[in-house]
Amino acid sequence: METKKLLKICSAVLLVFFATALTITKVLPWYQFKKYLPQEGDLIFQSLPQNELVLAIEGISESPYSHCGIVVKKDNSWMILEAIGPVKYTPLYEWVQRGRKEAFSVYRFKKPEGMKLFISEAEKFLGKPYDVRYRFDDEKIYCSELIYKSYQKSHNLNLGKVVELGDMPWQAYEKTIRKYEQGPPPLKRLMITPKNLSLASELILTYKQNYN
């Protein structure tokens, strides 16, 4: 009899433990995430899980932002249109969970006209492979380039400041650059970083989670 009581008590304690753990790891982050009220055309930025390429992106651009995408609504669900692997849609909550500490920032256009056309231009890149060399051609494409080119085509305006690799602190990441470039660092290569995209005068920070 005592053994049965002990087993019941242990089972109850374990049930409470797992329920608490589920609440802490899933439910509370969900409620925190729900504070963000998405709008189509929002630009969303995050810190990807660290690897040598992510560390190089963040270090060279001197920013925690190593990835970004466009908030869109598909079949009544909020998605992120992003260049990560191929250009594709990713469910918003799945996208947030992927980032380090589920941290993300949202920038909204001060004048959100033309968002449908902006998104339509971005959708033309669906399926394009990811460009680990960060070139400004259309054969492959990277995350901030997807946003930059889509806005350029839809609004005939540049979004953010394009910079040369050589004007950024690339030296500490030369080994990684050489690996992906399969040659010397292309110091004259123009690129748009997630950081410089976020600093565009057309945008305003509207939401930030788990960033100081």
C-alpha atoms as a PDB file:
ATOM      1  CA  MET A   1       0.000   0.000   0.000  1.00  0.00           C
ATOM      2  CA  GLU A   2       2.775   2.410   0.964  1.00  0.00           C
ATOM      3  CA  THR A   3       4.562   1.626  -2.275  1.00  0.00           C
ATOM      4  CA  LYS A   4       1.435   2.481  -4.313  1.00  0.00           C
ATOM      5  CA  LYS A   5       1.063   5.800  -2.469  1.00  0.00           C
ATOM      6  CA  LEU A   6       4.700   6.614  -3.079  1.00  0.00           C
ATOM      7  CA  LEU A   7       4.330   5.817  -6.785  1.00  0.00           C
ATOM      8  CA  LYS A   8       1.252   8.062  -7.015  1.00  0.00           C
ATOM      9  CA  ILE A   9       3.091  10.905  -5.298  1.00  0.00           C
ATOM     10  CA  CYS A  10       6.093  10.488  -7.597  1.00  0.00           C
ATOM     11  CA  SER A  11       3.822  10.419 -10.642  1.00  0.00           C
ATOM     12  CA  ALA A  12       2.067  13.590  -9.509  1.00  0.00           C
ATOM     13  CA  VAL A  13       5.388  15.355  -8.902  1.00  0.00           C
ATOM     14  CA  LEU A  14       6.665  14.333 -12.334  1.00  0.00           C
ATOM     15  CA  LEU A  15       3.438  15.525 -13.949  1.00  0.00           C
ATOM     16  CA  VAL A  16       3.747  18.924 -12.280  1.00  0.00           C
ATOM     17  CA  PHE A  17       7.424  19.099 -13.262  1.00  0.00           C
ATOM     18  CA  PHE A  18       6.735  18.374 -16.933  1.00  0.00           C
ATOM     19  CA  ALA A  19       3.760  20.747 -17.019  1.00  0.00           C
ATOM     20  CA  THR A  20       5.906  23.514 -15.541  1.00  0.00           C
ATOM     21  CA  ALA A  21       8.740  22.803 -17.967  1.00  0.00           C
ATOM     22  CA  LEU A  22       6.295  22.889 -20.899  1.00  0.00           C
ATOM     23  CA  THR A  23       4.895  26.200 -19.723  1.00  0.00           C
ATOM     24  CA  ILE A  24       8.348  27.758 -19.343  1.00  0.00           C
ATOM     25  CA  THR A  25       9.743  26.493 -22.647  1.00  0.00           C
ATOM     26  CA  LYS A  26       6.670  26.737 -24.881  1.00  0.00           C
ATOM     27  CA  VAL A  27       3.706  28.611 -23.500  1.00  0.00           C
ATOM     28  CA  LEU A  28       5.459  31.632 -21.975  1.00  0.00           C
ATOM     29  CA  PRO A  29       7.607  32.307 -25.064  1.00  0.00           C
ATOM     30  CA  TRP A  30       4.439  32.008 -27.169  1.00  0.00           C
ATOM     31  CA  TYR A  31       2.629  34.650 -25.143  1.00  0.00           C
ATOM     32  CA  GLN A  32       5.695  36.885 -25.262  1.00  0.00           C
ATOM     33  CA  PHE A  33       5.887  36.402 -29.018  1.00  0.00           C
ATOM     34  CA  LYS A  34       2.203  37.250 -29.381  1.00  0.00           C
ATOM     35  CA  LYS A  35       2.964  40.827 -28.321  1.00  0.00           C
ATOM     36  CA  TYR A  36       4.182  41.370 -31.869  1.00  0.00           C
ATOM     37  CA  LEU A  37       1.306  42.275 -34.182  1.00  0.00           C
ATOM     38  CA  PRO A  38       2.488  41.482 -37.714  1.00  0.00           C
ATOM     39  CA  GLN A  39       1.827  43.562 -40.782  1.00  0.00           C
ATOM     40  CA  GLU A  40       2.549  42.484 -44.335  1.00  0.00           C
ATOM     41  CA  GLY A  41       5.809  43.947 -45.536  1.00  0.00           C
ATOM     42  CA  ASP A  42       7.429  44.132 -42.080  1.00  0.00           C
ATOM     43  CA  LEU A  43      11.135  43.338 -42.175  1.00  0.00           C
ATOM     44  CA  ILE A  44      12.230  40.929 -39.457  1.00  0.00           C
ATOM     45  CA  PHE A  45      15.809  40.362 -38.259  1.00  0.00           C
ATOM     46  CA  GLN A  46      17.399  37.672 -36.091  1.00  0.00           C
ATOM     47  CA  SER A  47      20.653  36.079 -34.913  1.00  0.00           C
ATOM     48  CA  LEU A  48      21.057  32.620 -36.420  1.00  0.00           C
ATOM     49  CA  PRO A  49      22.604  29.678 -34.523  1.00  0.00           C
ATOM     50  CA  GLN A  50      26.334  30.263 -34.549  1.00  0.00           C
ATOM     51  CA  ASN A  51      28.655  28.724 -37.100  1.00  0.00           C
ATOM     52  CA  GLU A  52      31.689  30.117 -38.887  1.00  0.00           C
ATOM     53  CA  LEU A  53      29.629  31.863 -41.575  1.00  0.00           C
ATOM     54  CA  VAL A  54      27.190  33.417 -39.088  1.00  0.00           C
ATOM     55  CA  LEU A  55      30.079  34.623 -36.922  1.00  0.00           C
ATOM     56  CA  ALA A  56      31.672  36.204 -39.995  1.00  0.00           C
ATOM     57  CA  ILE A  57      28.438  37.969 -41.019  1.00  0.00           C
ATOM     58  CA  GLU A  58      27.868  39.362 -37.535  1.00  0.00           C
ATOM     59  CA  GLY A  59      31.538  40.221 -36.940  1.00  0.00           C
ATOM     60  CA  ILE A  60      32.155  41.911 -40.278  1.00  0.00           C
ATOM     61  CA  SER A  61      28.930  43.923 -40.079  1.00  0.00           C
ATOM     62  CA  GLU A  62      29.420  44.614 -36.351  1.00  0.00           C
ATOM     63  CA  SER A  63      25.837  43.629 -35.619  1.00  0.00           C
ATOM     64  CA  PRO A  64      23.892  40.787 -33.984  1.00  0.00           C
ATOM     65  CA  TYR A  65      21.744  40.581 -37.109  1.00  0.00           C
ATOM     66  CA  SER A  66      22.848  37.699 -39.313  1.00  0.00           C
ATOM     67  CA  HIS A  67      19.547  37.052 -41.080  1.00  0.00           C
ATOM     68  CA  CYS A  68      16.383  38.833 -42.186  1.00  0.00           C
ATOM     69  CA  GLY A  69      13.158  38.225 -44.074  1.00  0.00           C
ATOM     70  CA  ILE A  70       9.808  39.696 -45.115  1.00  0.00           C
ATOM     71  CA  VAL A  71       6.597  39.139 -43.159  1.00  0.00           C
ATOM     72  CA  VAL A  72       3.781  37.940 -45.442  1.00  0.00           C
ATOM     73  CA  LYS A  73       0.360  36.363 -45.000  1.00  0.00           C
ATOM     74  CA  LYS A  74      -0.341  33.106 -46.825  1.00  0.00           C
ATOM     75  CA  ASP A  75      -3.598  31.194 -46.411  1.00  0.00           C
ATOM     76  CA  ASN A  76      -4.437  33.195 -43.266  1.00  0.00           C
ATOM     77  CA  SER A  77      -1.102  32.284 -41.642  1.00  0.00           C
ATOM     78  CA  TRP A  78       1.830  34.595 -40.971  1.00  0.00           C
ATOM     79  CA  MET A  79       4.957  33.496 -42.823  1.00  0.00           C
ATOM     80  CA  ILE A  80       8.467  34.778 -43.469  1.00  0.00           C
ATOM     81  CA  LEU A  81       9.630  35.006 -47.056  1.00  0.00           C
ATOM     82  CA  GLU A  82      13.366  34.439 -46.743  1.00  0.00           C
ATOM     83  CA  ALA A  83      16.563  33.450 -48.524  1.00  0.00           C
ATOM     84  CA  ILE A  84      18.020  30.657 -46.404  1.00  0.00           C
ATOM     85  CA  GLY A  85      18.948  27.689 -48.510  1.00  0.00           C
ATOM     86  CA  PRO A  86      16.468  28.292 -51.337  1.00  0.00           C
ATOM     87  CA  VAL A  87      14.180  31.311 -51.125  1.00  0.00           C
ATOM     88  CA  LYS A  88      11.067  29.989 -49.371  1.00  0.00           C
ATOM     89  CA  TYR A  89       8.250  30.625 -46.894  1.00  0.00           C
ATOM     90  CA  THR A  90       8.750  29.715 -43.233  1.00  0.00           C
ATOM     91  CA  PRO A  91       6.018  29.921 -40.560  1.00  0.00           C
ATOM     92  CA  LEU A  92       6.609  32.981 -38.385  1.00  0.00           C
ATOM     93  CA  TYR A  93       6.723  31.172 -35.048  1.00  0.00           C
ATOM     94  CA  GLU A  94       9.056  28.505 -36.466  1.00  0.00           C
ATOM     95  CA  TRP A  95      11.264  31.297 -37.797  1.00  0.00           C
ATOM     96  CA  VAL A  96      11.417  32.992 -34.383  1.00  0.00           C
ATOM     97  CA  GLN A  97      12.217  29.723 -32.609  1.00  0.00           C
ATOM     98  CA  ARG A  98      15.152  29.132 -34.939  1.00  0.00           C
ATOM     99  CA  GLY A  99      16.999  32.260 -33.784  1.00  0.00           C
ATOM    100  CA  ARG A 100      19.375  32.407 -30.843  1.00  0.00           C
ATOM    101  CA  LYS A 101      17.405  33.001 -27.631  1.00  0.00           C
ATOM    102  CA  GLU A 102      14.349  33.475 -29.903  1.00  0.00           C
ATOM    103  CA  ALA A 103      15.537  37.060 -30.305  1.00  0.00           C
ATOM    104  CA  PHE A 104      14.196  39.115 -33.190  1.00  0.00           C
ATOM    105  CA  SER A 105      13.605  42.713 -34.213  1.00  0.00           C
ATOM    106  CA  VAL A 106      10.944  44.079 -36.544  1.00  0.00           C
ATOM    107  CA  TYR A 107      11.321  47.169 -38.724  1.00  0.00           C
ATOM    108  CA  ARG A 108       8.294  48.656 -40.445  1.00  0.00           C
ATOM    109  CA  PHE A 109       8.139  51.017 -43.403  1.00  0.00           C
ATOM    110  CA  LYS A 110       7.230  54.533 -42.313  1.00  0.00           C
ATOM    111  CA  LYS A 111       5.170  54.812 -45.494  1.00  0.00           C
ATOM    112  CA  PRO A 112       3.895  51.281 -46.144  1.00  0.00           C
ATOM    113  CA  GLU A 113       2.608  51.947 -49.653  1.00  0.00           C
ATOM    114  CA  GLY A 114       3.265  49.378 -52.336  1.00  0.00           C
ATOM    115  CA  MET A 115       3.759  46.404 -50.011  1.00  0.00           C
ATOM    116  CA  LYS A 116       1.812  44.048 -52.284  1.00  0.00           C
ATOM    117  CA  LEU A 117       4.096  44.880 -55.203  1.00  0.00           C
ATOM    118  CA  PHE A 118       7.162  44.639 -52.939  1.00  0.00           C
ATOM    119  CA  ILE A 119       6.150  41.141 -51.820  1.00  0.00           C
ATOM    120  CA  SER A 120       5.256  40.154 -55.381  1.00  0.00           C
ATOM    121  CA  GLU A 121       8.762  41.101 -56.545  1.00  0.00           C
ATOM    122  CA  ALA A 122      10.288  39.081 -53.695  1.00  0.00           C
ATOM    123  CA  GLU A 123       8.185  36.048 -54.623  1.00  0.00           C
ATOM    124  CA  LYS A 124       9.784  36.034 -58.062  1.00  0.00           C
ATOM    125  CA  PHE A 125      12.962  34.797 -56.346  1.00  0.00           C
ATOM    126  CA  LEU A 126      11.263  31.737 -54.793  1.00  0.00           C
ATOM    127  CA  GLY A 127      13.456  28.670 -55.225  1.00  0.00           C
ATOM    128  CA  LYS A 128      16.640  30.628 -55.903  1.00  0.00           C
ATOM    129  CA  PRO A 129      19.640  29.082 -54.075  1.00  0.00           C
ATOM    130  CA  TYR A 130      21.472  30.896 -51.292  1.00  0.00           C
ATOM    131  CA  ASP A 131      24.599  32.862 -52.222  1.00  0.00           C
ATOM    132  CA  VAL A 132      27.388  32.198 -49.700  1.00  0.00           C
ATOM    133  CA  ARG A 133      29.673  34.514 -51.708  1.00  0.00           C
ATOM    134  CA  TYR A 134      27.317  37.492 -51.324  1.00  0.00           C
ATOM    135  CA  ARG A 135      27.424  38.738 -54.892  1.00  0.00           C
ATOM    136  CA  PHE A 136      24.952  41.141 -56.499  1.00  0.00           C
ATOM    137  CA  ASP A 137      23.806  38.860 -59.298  1.00  0.00           C
ATOM    138  CA  ASP A 138      20.508  37.037 -59.691  1.00  0.00           C
ATOM    139  CA  GLU A 139      21.879  33.494 -60.077  1.00  0.00           C
ATOM    140  CA  LYS A 140      21.904  33.057 -56.309  1.00  0.00           C
ATOM    141  CA  ILE A 141      20.662  35.394 -53.600  1.00  0.00           C
ATOM    142  CA  TYR A 142      21.151  36.092 -49.897  1.00  0.00           C
ATOM    143  CA  CYS A 143      18.691  37.331 -47.294  1.00  0.00           C
ATOM    144  CA  SER A 144      19.244  41.089 -47.268  1.00  0.00           C
ATOM    145  CA  GLU A 145      19.844  41.115 -51.039  1.00  0.00           C
ATOM    146  CA  LEU A 146      16.372  39.594 -51.511  1.00  0.00           C
ATOM    147  CA  ILE A 147      14.810  42.502 -49.616  1.00  0.00           C
ATOM    148  CA  TYR A 148      17.026  45.157 -51.207  1.00  0.00           C
ATOM    149  CA  LYS A 149      16.379  44.045 -54.790  1.00  0.00           C
ATOM    150  CA  SER A 150      12.661  43.494 -54.259  1.00  0.00           C
ATOM    151  CA  TYR A 151      12.248  47.004 -52.858  1.00  0.00           C
ATOM    152  CA  GLN A 152      14.425  48.470 -55.599  1.00  0.00           C
ATOM    153  CA  LYS A 153      12.262  46.843 -58.286  1.00  0.00           C
ATOM    154  CA  SER A 154       8.930  47.664 -56.668  1.00  0.00           C
ATOM    155  CA  HIS A 155       9.690  51.245 -55.605  1.00  0.00           C
ATOM    156  CA  ASN A 156      12.605  52.219 -57.875  1.00  0.00           C
ATOM    157  CA  LEU A 157      14.514  53.191 -54.725  1.00  0.00           C
ATOM    158  CA  ASN A 158      17.516  51.825 -52.849  1.00  0.00           C
ATOM    159  CA  LEU A 159      16.875  50.610 -49.299  1.00  0.00           C
ATOM    160  CA  GLY A 160      19.860  51.025 -46.978  1.00  0.00           C
ATOM    161  CA  LYS A 161      23.512  51.661 -47.747  1.00  0.00           C
ATOM    162  CA  VAL A 162      25.463  49.310 -50.008  1.00  0.00           C
ATOM    163  CA  VAL A 163      29.046  48.856 -48.792  1.00  0.00           C
ATOM    164  CA  GLU A 164      32.270  47.283 -50.017  1.00  0.00           C
ATOM    165  CA  LEU A 165      33.669  44.314 -48.116  1.00  0.00           C
ATOM    166  CA  GLY A 166      37.012  46.114 -47.818  1.00  0.00           C
ATOM    167  CA  ASP A 167      35.392  49.005 -45.935  1.00  0.00           C
ATOM    168  CA  MET A 168      34.287  46.681 -43.149  1.00  0.00           C
ATOM    169  CA  PRO A 169      36.424  44.891 -40.488  1.00  0.00           C
ATOM    170  CA  TRP A 170      36.859  41.666 -42.484  1.00  0.00           C
ATOM    171  CA  GLN A 171      40.428  40.798 -41.462  1.00  0.00           C
ATOM    172  CA  ALA A 172      39.596  38.548 -38.488  1.00  0.00           C
ATOM    173  CA  TYR A 173      37.401  36.444 -40.775  1.00  0.00           C
ATOM    174  CA  GLU A 174      39.765  36.101 -43.729  1.00  0.00           C
ATOM    175  CA  LYS A 175      40.018  32.313 -43.362  1.00  0.00           C
ATOM    176  CA  THR A 176      36.230  31.934 -43.575  1.00  0.00           C
ATOM    177  CA  ILE A 177      35.994  34.351 -46.514  1.00  0.00           C
ATOM    178  CA  ARG A 178      38.690  32.460 -48.420  1.00  0.00           C
ATOM    179  CA  LYS A 179      36.917  29.165 -47.760  1.00  0.00           C
ATOM    180  CA  TYR A 180      33.607  30.282 -49.259  1.00  0.00           C
ATOM    181  CA  GLU A 181      35.111  32.514 -51.949  1.00  0.00           C
ATOM    182  CA  GLN A 182      37.663  29.844 -52.904  1.00  0.00           C
ATOM    183  CA  GLY A 183      40.159  32.624 -53.346  1.00  0.00           C
ATOM    184  CA  PRO A 184      41.307  35.936 -51.857  1.00  0.00           C
ATOM    185  CA  PRO A 185      38.791  38.248 -50.176  1.00  0.00           C
ATOM    186  CA  PRO A 186      36.968  40.299 -52.840  1.00  0.00           C
ATOM    187  CA  LEU A 187      37.491  43.632 -51.097  1.00  0.00           C
ATOM    188  CA  LYS A 188      35.717  45.647 -53.796  1.00  0.00           C
ATOM    189  CA  ARG A 189      32.600  43.495 -53.714  1.00  0.00           C
ATOM    190  CA  LEU A 190      29.460  45.502 -53.022  1.00  0.00           C
ATOM    191  CA  MET A 191      26.946  44.049 -50.592  1.00  0.00           C
ATOM    192  CA  ILE A 192      23.985  44.991 -48.447  1.00  0.00           C
ATOM    193  CA  THR A 193      24.256  43.654 -44.888  1.00  0.00           C
ATOM    194  CA  PRO A 194      21.286  43.003 -42.603  1.00  0.00           C
ATOM    195  CA  LYS A 195      22.604  45.767 -40.345  1.00  0.00           C
ATOM    196  CA  ASN A 196      22.774  48.387 -43.105  1.00  0.00           C
ATOM    197  CA  LEU A 197      19.351  47.342 -44.304  1.00  0.00           C
ATOM    198  CA  SER A 198      17.912  47.868 -40.809  1.00  0.00           C
ATOM    199  CA  LEU A 199      19.405  51.377 -40.720  1.00  0.00           C
ATOM    200  CA  ALA A 200      17.495  52.513 -43.818  1.00  0.00           C
ATOM    201  CA  SER A 201      15.797  55.874 -43.297  1.00  0.00           C
ATOM    202  CA  GLU A 202      12.547  54.446 -44.673  1.00  0.00           C
ATOM    203  CA  LEU A 203      12.237  52.063 -41.699  1.00  0.00           C
ATOM    204  CA  ILE A 204      11.356  52.391 -38.040  1.00  0.00           C
ATOM    205  CA  LEU A 205      11.944  49.826 -35.274  1.00  0.00           C
ATOM    206  CA  THR A 206       8.519  48.686 -34.067  1.00  0.00           C
ATOM    207  CA  TYR A 207       9.248  45.559 -32.029  1.00  0.00           C
ATOM    208  CA  LYS A 208      12.229  43.956 -30.305  1.00  0.00           C
ATOM    209  CA  GLN A 209      12.380  40.695 -28.346  1.00  0.00           C
ATOM    210  CA  ASN A 210      15.298  39.364 -26.292  1.00  0.00           C
ATOM    211  CA  TYR A 211      17.758  41.965 -27.551  1.00  0.00           C
ATOM    212  CA  ASN A 212      19.171  44.360 -24.971  1.00  0.00           C
END
